[in-house]
Amino acid sequence: YWYQFKVGNEVSPIGRTRTAPTPGDQINQF
């Protein structure tokens, strides 16, 4: 996912993030 903040007329840089897989789900690589 990507995210951003705004306050007044100012906007932040865009950041990138990632959620975790569901516990127990098969994951091939991390």
PDB file of all heavy atoms in Angstrom:
ATOM      1  N   TYR A   1       0.855  -1.189   0.000  1.00  0.00           N
ATOM      2  CA  TYR A   1       0.000   0.000   0.000  1.00  0.00           C
ATOM      3  C   TYR A   1       0.891   1.240   0.000  1.00  0.00           C
ATOM      4  O   TYR A   1       2.078   1.179   0.369  1.00  0.00           O
ATOM      5  CB  TYR A   1      -0.905   0.037   1.236  1.00  0.00           C
ATOM      6  CG  TYR A   1      -1.982  -1.020   1.258  1.00  0.00           C
ATOM      7  CD1 TYR A   1      -1.782  -2.227   1.933  1.00  0.00           C
ATOM      8  CD2 TYR A   1      -3.188  -0.828   0.604  1.00  0.00           C
ATOM      9  CE1 TYR A   1      -2.769  -3.207   1.965  1.00  0.00           C
ATOM     10  CE2 TYR A   1      -4.187  -1.798   0.620  1.00  0.00           C
ATOM     11  CZ  TYR A   1      -3.968  -2.976   1.304  1.00  0.00           C
ATOM     12  OH  TYR A   1      -4.942  -3.942   1.318  1.00  0.00           O
ATOM     13  N   TRP A   2       0.297   2.360  -0.407  1.00  0.00           N
ATOM     14  CA  TRP A   2       0.966   3.654  -0.383  1.00  0.00           C
ATOM     15  C   TRP A   2       0.128   4.625   0.432  1.00  0.00           C
ATOM     16  O   TRP A   2      -1.114   4.522   0.464  1.00  0.00           O
ATOM     17  CB  TRP A   2       1.168   4.166  -1.810  1.00  0.00           C
ATOM     18  CG  TRP A   2       2.202   3.396  -2.565  1.00  0.00           C
ATOM     19  CD1 TRP A   2       3.496   3.753  -2.796  1.00  0.00           C
ATOM     20  CD2 TRP A   2       2.048   2.104  -3.192  1.00  0.00           C
ATOM     21  NE1 TRP A   2       4.162   2.790  -3.514  1.00  0.00           N
ATOM     22  CE2 TRP A   2       3.290   1.760  -3.782  1.00  0.00           C
ATOM     23  CE3 TRP A   2       0.975   1.213  -3.317  1.00  0.00           C
ATOM     24  CZ2 TRP A   2       3.497   0.574  -4.460  1.00  0.00           C
ATOM     25  CZ3 TRP A   2       1.179   0.028  -4.003  1.00  0.00           C
ATOM     26  CH2 TRP A   2       2.416  -0.295  -4.567  1.00  0.00           C
ATOM     27  N   TYR A   3       0.790   5.579   1.094  1.00  0.00           N
ATOM     28  CA  TYR A   3       0.069   6.467   2.019  1.00  0.00           C
ATOM     29  C   TYR A   3       0.667   7.869   1.968  1.00  0.00           C
ATOM     30  O   TYR A   3       1.810   8.070   1.534  1.00  0.00           O
ATOM     31  CB  TYR A   3       0.116   5.914   3.445  1.00  0.00           C
ATOM     32  CG  TYR A   3       1.518   5.789   4.003  1.00  0.00           C
ATOM     33  CD1 TYR A   3       2.089   6.791   4.777  1.00  0.00           C
ATOM     34  CD2 TYR A   3       2.296   4.645   3.752  1.00  0.00           C
ATOM     35  CE1 TYR A   3       3.375   6.676   5.289  1.00  0.00           C
ATOM     36  CE2 TYR A   3       3.581   4.517   4.249  1.00  0.00           C
ATOM     37  CZ  TYR A   3       4.109   5.535   5.015  1.00  0.00           C
ATOM     38  OH  TYR A   3       5.388   5.426   5.506  1.00  0.00           O
ATOM     39  N   GLN A   4      -0.127   8.827   2.435  1.00  0.00           N
ATOM     40  CA  GLN A   4       0.289  10.232   2.412  1.00  0.00           C
ATOM     41  C   GLN A   4      -0.517  11.007   3.445  1.00  0.00           C
ATOM     42  O   GLN A   4      -1.658  10.643   3.771  1.00  0.00           O
ATOM     43  CB  GLN A   4       0.070  10.813   1.015  1.00  0.00           C
ATOM     44  CG  GLN A   4       0.702  12.182   0.784  1.00  0.00           C
ATOM     45  CD  GLN A   4       0.603  12.614  -0.675  1.00  0.00           C
ATOM     46  OE1 GLN A   4      -0.371  12.285  -1.351  1.00  0.00           O
ATOM     47  NE2 GLN A   4       1.612  13.319  -1.173  1.00  0.00           N
ATOM     48  N   PHE A   5       0.077  12.098   3.940  1.00  0.00           N
ATOM     49  CA  PHE A   5      -0.586  12.988   4.892  1.00  0.00           C
ATOM     50  C   PHE A   5      -0.766  14.367   4.269  1.00  0.00           C
ATOM     51  O   PHE A   5      -0.021  14.767   3.366  1.00  0.00           O
ATOM     52  CB  PHE A   5       0.252  13.129   6.167  1.00  0.00           C
ATOM     53  CG  PHE A   5       0.445  11.848   6.924  1.00  0.00           C
ATOM     54  CD1 PHE A   5       1.567  11.055   6.704  1.00  0.00           C
ATOM     55  CD2 PHE A   5      -0.477  11.435   7.871  1.00  0.00           C
ATOM     56  CE1 PHE A   5       1.764   9.870   7.404  1.00  0.00           C
ATOM     57  CE2 PHE A   5      -0.296  10.258   8.580  1.00  0.00           C
ATOM     58  CZ  PHE A   5       0.819   9.482   8.342  1.00  0.00           C
ATOM     59  N   LYS A   6      -1.733  15.098   4.799  1.00  0.00           N
ATOM     60  CA  LYS A   6      -1.956  16.482   4.393  1.00  0.00           C
ATOM     61  C   LYS A   6      -2.368  17.290   5.612  1.00  0.00           C
ATOM     62  O   LYS A   6      -3.183  16.837   6.421  1.00  0.00           O
ATOM     63  CB  LYS A   6      -3.040  16.582   3.317  1.00  0.00           C
ATOM     64  CG  LYS A   6      -3.285  18.008   2.838  1.00  0.00           C
ATOM     65  CD  LYS A   6      -4.367  18.072   1.765  1.00  0.00           C
ATOM     66  CE  LYS A   6      -4.584  19.501   1.299  1.00  0.00           C
ATOM     67  NZ  LYS A   6      -5.669  19.598   0.291  1.00  0.00           N
ATOM     68  N   VAL A   7      -1.811  18.486   5.742  1.00  0.00           N
ATOM     69  CA  VAL A   7      -2.216  19.405   6.798  1.00  0.00           C
ATOM     70  C   VAL A   7      -2.252  20.800   6.203  1.00  0.00           C
ATOM     71  O   VAL A   7      -1.304  21.251   5.570  1.00  0.00           O
ATOM     72  CB  VAL A   7      -1.251  19.322   8.004  1.00  0.00           C
ATOM     73  CG1 VAL A   7       0.172  19.651   7.615  1.00  0.00           C
ATOM     74  CG2 VAL A   7      -1.729  20.223   9.131  1.00  0.00           C
ATOM     75  N   GLY A   8      -3.386  21.467   6.346  1.00  0.00           N
ATOM     76  CA  GLY A   8      -3.557  22.748   5.669  1.00  0.00           C
ATOM     77  C   GLY A   8      -3.399  22.575   4.172  1.00  0.00           C
ATOM     78  O   GLY A   8      -4.034  21.705   3.562  1.00  0.00           O
ATOM     79  N   ASN A   9      -2.497  23.342   3.582  1.00  0.00           N
ATOM     80  CA  ASN A   9      -2.217  23.225   2.145  1.00  0.00           C
ATOM     81  C   ASN A   9      -0.945  22.425   1.858  1.00  0.00           C
ATOM     82  O   ASN A   9      -0.498  22.371   0.710  1.00  0.00           O
ATOM     83  CB  ASN A   9      -2.090  24.621   1.528  1.00  0.00           C
ATOM     84  CG  ASN A   9      -3.401  25.390   1.586  1.00  0.00           C
ATOM     85  OD1 ASN A   9      -4.465  24.819   1.358  1.00  0.00           O
ATOM     86  ND2 ASN A   9      -3.309  26.676   1.906  1.00  0.00           N
ATOM     87  N   GLU A  10      -0.390  21.805   2.884  1.00  0.00           N
ATOM     88  CA  GLU A  10       0.877  21.084   2.726  1.00  0.00           C
ATOM     89  C   GLU A  10       0.628  19.577   2.676  1.00  0.00           C
ATOM     90  O   GLU A  10      -0.185  19.039   3.427  1.00  0.00           O
ATOM     91  CB  GLU A  10       1.805  21.402   3.898  1.00  0.00           C
ATOM     92  CG  GLU A  10       2.101  22.888   4.082  1.00  0.00           C
ATOM     93  CD  GLU A  10       3.099  23.413   3.066  1.00  0.00           C
ATOM     94  OE1 GLU A  10       3.577  22.627   2.213  1.00  0.00           O
ATOM     95  OE2 GLU A  10       3.419  24.616   3.137  1.00  0.00           O
ATOM     96  N   VAL A  11       1.354  18.901   1.793  1.00  0.00           N
ATOM     97  CA  VAL A  11       1.246  17.442   1.683  1.00  0.00           C
ATOM     98  C   VAL A  11       2.604  16.811   1.957  1.00  0.00           C
ATOM     99  O   VAL A  11       3.652  17.383   1.652  1.00  0.00           O
ATOM    100  CB  VAL A  11       0.720  17.002   0.301  1.00  0.00           C
ATOM    101  CG1 VAL A  11      -0.710  17.468   0.102  1.00  0.00           C
ATOM    102  CG2 VAL A  11       1.628  17.495  -0.800  1.00  0.00           C
ATOM    103  N   SER A  12       2.575  15.635   2.527  1.00  0.00           N
ATOM    104  CA  SER A  12       3.801  14.912   2.870  1.00  0.00           C
ATOM    105  C   SER A  12       4.329  14.158   1.664  1.00  0.00           C
ATOM    106  O   SER A  12       3.628  13.979   0.664  1.00  0.00           O
ATOM    107  CB  SER A  12       3.504  13.928   3.998  1.00  0.00           C
ATOM    108  OG  SER A  12       2.784  12.802   3.497  1.00  0.00           O
ATOM    109  N   PRO A  13       5.546  13.644   1.746  1.00  0.00           N
ATOM    110  CA  PRO A  13       5.984  12.655   0.760  1.00  0.00           C
ATOM    111  C   PRO A  13       5.079  11.423   0.820  1.00  0.00           C
ATOM    112  O   PRO A  13       4.393  11.187   1.823  1.00  0.00           O
ATOM    113  CB  PRO A  13       7.412  12.320   1.205  1.00  0.00           C
ATOM    114  CG  PRO A  13       7.823  13.434   2.102  1.00  0.00           C
ATOM    115  CD  PRO A  13       6.583  13.934   2.753  1.00  0.00           C
ATOM    116  N   ILE A  14       5.101  10.636  -0.233  1.00  0.00           N
ATOM    117  CA  ILE A  14       4.344   9.382  -0.269  1.00  0.00           C
ATOM    118  C   ILE A  14       5.225   8.272   0.293  1.00  0.00           C
ATOM    119  O   ILE A  14       6.391   8.137  -0.069  1.00  0.00           O
ATOM    120  CB  ILE A  14       3.908   9.047  -1.701  1.00  0.00           C
ATOM    121  CG1 ILE A  14       2.915  10.089  -2.211  1.00  0.00           C
ATOM    122  CG2 ILE A  14       3.282   7.650  -1.768  1.00  0.00           C
ATOM    123  CD1 ILE A  14       2.553   9.925  -3.679  1.00  0.00           C
ATOM    124  N   GLY A  15       4.656   7.491   1.203  1.00  0.00           N
ATOM    125  CA  GLY A  15       5.348   6.336   1.738  1.00  0.00           C
ATOM    126  C   GLY A  15       4.731   5.047   1.234  1.00  0.00           C
ATOM    127  O   GLY A  15       3.590   5.021   0.771  1.00  0.00           O
ATOM    128  N   ARG A  16       5.506   3.975   1.330  1.00  0.00           N
ATOM    129  CA  ARG A  16       5.029   2.660   0.926  1.00  0.00           C
ATOM    130  C   ARG A  16       5.071   1.726   2.130  1.00  0.00           C
ATOM    131  O   ARG A  16       5.992   1.782   2.950  1.00  0.00           O
ATOM    132  CB  ARG A  16       5.912   2.091  -0.191  1.00  0.00           C
ATOM    133  CG  ARG A  16       5.408   0.775  -0.782  1.00  0.00           C
ATOM    134  CD  ARG A  16       6.346   0.239  -1.842  1.00  0.00           C
ATOM    135  NE  ARG A  16       7.618  -0.219  -1.277  1.00  0.00           N
ATOM    136  CZ  ARG A  16       8.421  -1.093  -1.880  1.00  0.00           C
ATOM    137  NH1 ARG A  16       8.100  -1.594  -3.067  1.00  0.00           N
ATOM    138  NH2 ARG A  16       9.561  -1.454  -1.314  1.00  0.00           N
ATOM    139  N   THR A  17       4.075   0.861   2.248  1.00  0.00           N
ATOM    140  CA  THR A  17       4.058  -0.086   3.353  1.00  0.00           C
ATOM    141  C   THR A  17       3.499  -1.416   2.885  1.00  0.00           C
ATOM    142  O   THR A  17       3.025  -1.537   1.745  1.00  0.00           O
ATOM    143  CB  THR A  17       3.246   0.474   4.536  1.00  0.00           C
ATOM    144  OG1 THR A  17       3.464  -0.346   5.691  1.00  0.00           O
ATOM    145  CG2 THR A  17       1.751   0.527   4.215  1.00  0.00           C
ATOM    146  N   ARG A  18       3.548  -2.409   3.756  1.00  0.00           N
ATOM    147  CA  ARG A  18       3.074  -3.749   3.396  1.00  0.00           C
ATOM    148  C   ARG A  18       2.466  -4.412   4.626  1.00  0.00           C
ATOM    149  O   ARG A  18       3.043  -4.347   5.726  1.00  0.00           O
ATOM    150  CB  ARG A  18       4.217  -4.602   2.860  1.00  0.00           C
ATOM    151  CG  ARG A  18       3.787  -5.983   2.369  1.00  0.00           C
ATOM    152  CD  ARG A  18       4.940  -6.713   1.695  1.00  0.00           C
ATOM    153  NE  ARG A  18       4.590  -8.080   1.313  1.00  0.00           N
ATOM    154  CZ  ARG A  18       3.949  -8.416   0.193  1.00  0.00           C
ATOM    155  NH1 ARG A  18       3.575  -7.450  -0.656  1.00  0.00           N
ATOM    156  NH2 ARG A  18       3.666  -9.675  -0.093  1.00  0.00           N
ATOM    157  N   THR A  19       1.340  -5.047   4.455  1.00  0.00           N
ATOM    158  CA  THR A  19       0.717  -5.792   5.532  1.00  0.00           C
ATOM    159  C   THR A  19       1.352  -7.166   5.666  1.00  0.00           C
ATOM    160  O   THR A  19       1.989  -7.676   4.740  1.00  0.00           O
ATOM    161  CB  THR A  19      -0.792  -5.948   5.290  1.00  0.00           C
ATOM    162  OG1 THR A  19      -0.994  -6.457   3.954  1.00  0.00           O
ATOM    163  CG2 THR A  19      -1.522  -4.620   5.444  1.00  0.00           C
ATOM    164  N   ALA A  20       1.159  -7.769   6.821  1.00  0.00           N
ATOM    165  CA  ALA A  20       1.670  -9.116   7.068  1.00  0.00           C
ATOM    166  C   ALA A  20       0.737 -10.157   6.455  1.00  0.00           C
ATOM    167  O   ALA A  20      -0.466  -9.926   6.325  1.00  0.00           O
ATOM    168  CB  ALA A  20       1.790  -9.352   8.569  1.00  0.00           C
ATOM    169  N   PRO A  21       1.255 -11.315   6.098  1.00  0.00           N
ATOM    170  CA  PRO A  21       0.384 -12.422   5.723  1.00  0.00           C
ATOM    171  C   PRO A  21      -0.428 -12.894   6.944  1.00  0.00           C
ATOM    172  O   PRO A  21      -0.028 -12.679   8.089  1.00  0.00           O
ATOM    173  CB  PRO A  21       1.358 -13.515   5.265  1.00  0.00           C
ATOM    174  CG  PRO A  21       2.683 -12.847   5.117  1.00  0.00           C
ATOM    175  CD  PRO A  21       2.685 -11.672   6.018  1.00  0.00           C
ATOM    176  N   THR A  22      -1.520 -13.535   6.713  1.00  0.00           N
ATOM    177  CA  THR A  22      -2.337 -14.078   7.793  1.00  0.00           C
ATOM    178  C   THR A  22      -1.581 -15.212   8.490  1.00  0.00           C
ATOM    179  O   THR A  22      -0.991 -16.061   7.816  1.00  0.00           O
ATOM    180  CB  THR A  22      -3.667 -14.609   7.242  1.00  0.00           C
ATOM    181  OG1 THR A  22      -4.354 -13.530   6.594  1.00  0.00           O
ATOM    182  CG2 THR A  22      -4.532 -15.188   8.346  1.00  0.00           C
ATOM    183  N   PRO A  23      -1.561 -15.240   9.826  1.00  0.00           N
ATOM    184  CA  PRO A  23      -0.895 -16.345  10.523  1.00  0.00           C
ATOM    185  C   PRO A  23      -1.400 -17.697  10.037  1.00  0.00           C
ATOM    186  O   PRO A  23      -2.610 -17.916   9.905  1.00  0.00           O
ATOM    187  CB  PRO A  23      -1.248 -16.103  11.987  1.00  0.00           C
ATOM    188  CG  PRO A  23      -1.457 -14.622  12.079  1.00  0.00           C
ATOM    189  CD  PRO A  23      -2.094 -14.235  10.776  1.00  0.00           C
ATOM    190  N   GLY A  24      -0.476 -18.587   9.747  1.00  0.00           N
ATOM    191  CA  GLY A  24      -0.831 -19.916   9.270  1.00  0.00           C
ATOM    192  C   GLY A  24      -0.875 -20.052   7.771  1.00  0.00           C
ATOM    193  O   GLY A  24      -0.792 -21.178   7.252  1.00  0.00           O
ATOM    194  N   ASP A  25      -1.013 -18.931   7.046  1.00  0.00           N
ATOM    195  CA  ASP A  25      -1.016 -19.018   5.585  1.00  0.00           C
ATOM    196  C   ASP A  25       0.357 -19.453   5.080  1.00  0.00           C
ATOM    197  O   ASP A  25       1.396 -19.039   5.615  1.00  0.00           O
ATOM    198  CB  ASP A  25      -1.377 -17.669   4.962  1.00  0.00           C
ATOM    199  CG  ASP A  25      -2.877 -17.411   4.971  1.00  0.00           C
ATOM    200  OD1 ASP A  25      -3.619 -18.264   5.510  1.00  0.00           O
ATOM    201  OD2 ASP A  25      -3.300 -16.367   4.445  1.00  0.00           O
ATOM    202  N   GLN A  26       0.355 -20.261   4.033  1.00  0.00           N
ATOM    203  CA  GLN A  26       1.611 -20.747   3.486  1.00  0.00           C
ATOM    204  C   GLN A  26       2.347 -19.626   2.772  1.00  0.00           C
ATOM    205  O   GLN A  26       1.823 -18.992   1.862  1.00  0.00           O
ATOM    206  CB  GLN A  26       1.355 -21.897   2.513  1.00  0.00           C
ATOM    207  CG  GLN A  26       2.623 -22.507   1.947  1.00  0.00           C
ATOM    208  CD  GLN A  26       2.356 -23.715   1.061  1.00  0.00           C
ATOM    209  OE1 GLN A  26       1.276 -24.279   1.114  1.00  0.00           O
ATOM    210  NE2 GLN A  26       3.337 -24.082   0.254  1.00  0.00           N
ATOM    211  N   ILE A  27       3.580 -19.383   3.194  1.00  0.00           N
ATOM    212  CA  ILE A  27       4.424 -18.329   2.633  1.00  0.00           C
ATOM    213  C   ILE A  27       5.686 -18.971   2.089  1.00  0.00           C
ATOM    214  O   ILE A  27       6.367 -19.724   2.792  1.00  0.00           O
ATOM    215  CB  ILE A  27       4.784 -17.274   3.705  1.00  0.00           C
ATOM    216  CG1 ILE A  27       3.522 -16.689   4.345  1.00  0.00           C
ATOM    217  CG2 ILE A  27       5.641 -16.169   3.091  1.00  0.00           C
ATOM    218  CD1 ILE A  27       2.595 -16.016   3.370  1.00  0.00           C
ATOM    219  N   ASN A  28       6.007 -18.688   0.857  1.00  0.00           N
ATOM    220  CA  ASN A  28       7.173 -19.303   0.216  1.00  0.00           C
ATOM    221  C   ASN A  28       8.449 -18.502   0.383  1.00  0.00           C
ATOM    222  O   ASN A  28       9.544 -19.053   0.228  1.00  0.00           O
ATOM    223  CB  ASN A  28       6.889 -19.517  -1.271  1.00  0.00           C
ATOM    224  CG  ASN A  28       5.786 -20.528  -1.507  1.00  0.00           C
ATOM    225  OD1 ASN A  28       5.691 -21.529  -0.792  1.00  0.00           O
ATOM    226  ND2 ASN A  28       4.942 -20.264  -2.499  1.00  0.00           N
ATOM    227  N   GLN A  29       8.305 -17.203   0.696  1.00  0.00           N
ATOM    228  CA  GLN A  29       9.500 -16.367   0.814  1.00  0.00           C
ATOM    229  C   GLN A  29       9.177 -15.132   1.647  1.00  0.00           C
ATOM    230  O   GLN A  29       8.075 -14.574   1.570  1.00  0.00           O
ATOM    231  CB  GLN A  29       9.972 -15.937  -0.581  1.00  0.00           C
ATOM    232  CG  GLN A  29      11.280 -15.150  -0.598  1.00  0.00           C
ATOM    233  CD  GLN A  29      11.651 -14.723  -2.014  1.00  0.00           C
ATOM    234  OE1 GLN A  29      10.948 -13.933  -2.642  1.00  0.00           O
ATOM    235  NE2 GLN A  29      12.752 -15.257  -2.520  1.00  0.00           N
ATOM    236  N   PHE A  30      10.141 -14.724   2.463  1.00  0.00           N
ATOM    237  CA  PHE A  30      10.008 -13.503   3.259  1.00  0.00           C
ATOM    238  C   PHE A  30      11.382 -12.880   3.355  1.00  0.00           C
ATOM    239  O   PHE A  30      12.367 -13.544   3.691  1.00  0.00           O
ATOM    240  CB  PHE A  30       9.467 -13.830   4.654  1.00  0.00           C
ATOM    241  CG  PHE A  30       9.270 -12.631   5.533  1.00  0.00           C
ATOM    242  CD1 PHE A  30       8.195 -11.779   5.334  1.00  0.00           C
ATOM    243  CD2 PHE A  30      10.151 -12.355   6.563  1.00  0.00           C
ATOM    244  CE1 PHE A  30       8.017 -10.671   6.155  1.00  0.00           C
ATOM    245  CE2 PHE A  30       9.982 -11.259   7.383  1.00  0.00           C
ATOM    246  CZ  PHE A  30       8.904 -10.411   7.181  1.00  0.00           C
TER     247      PHE A  30
END
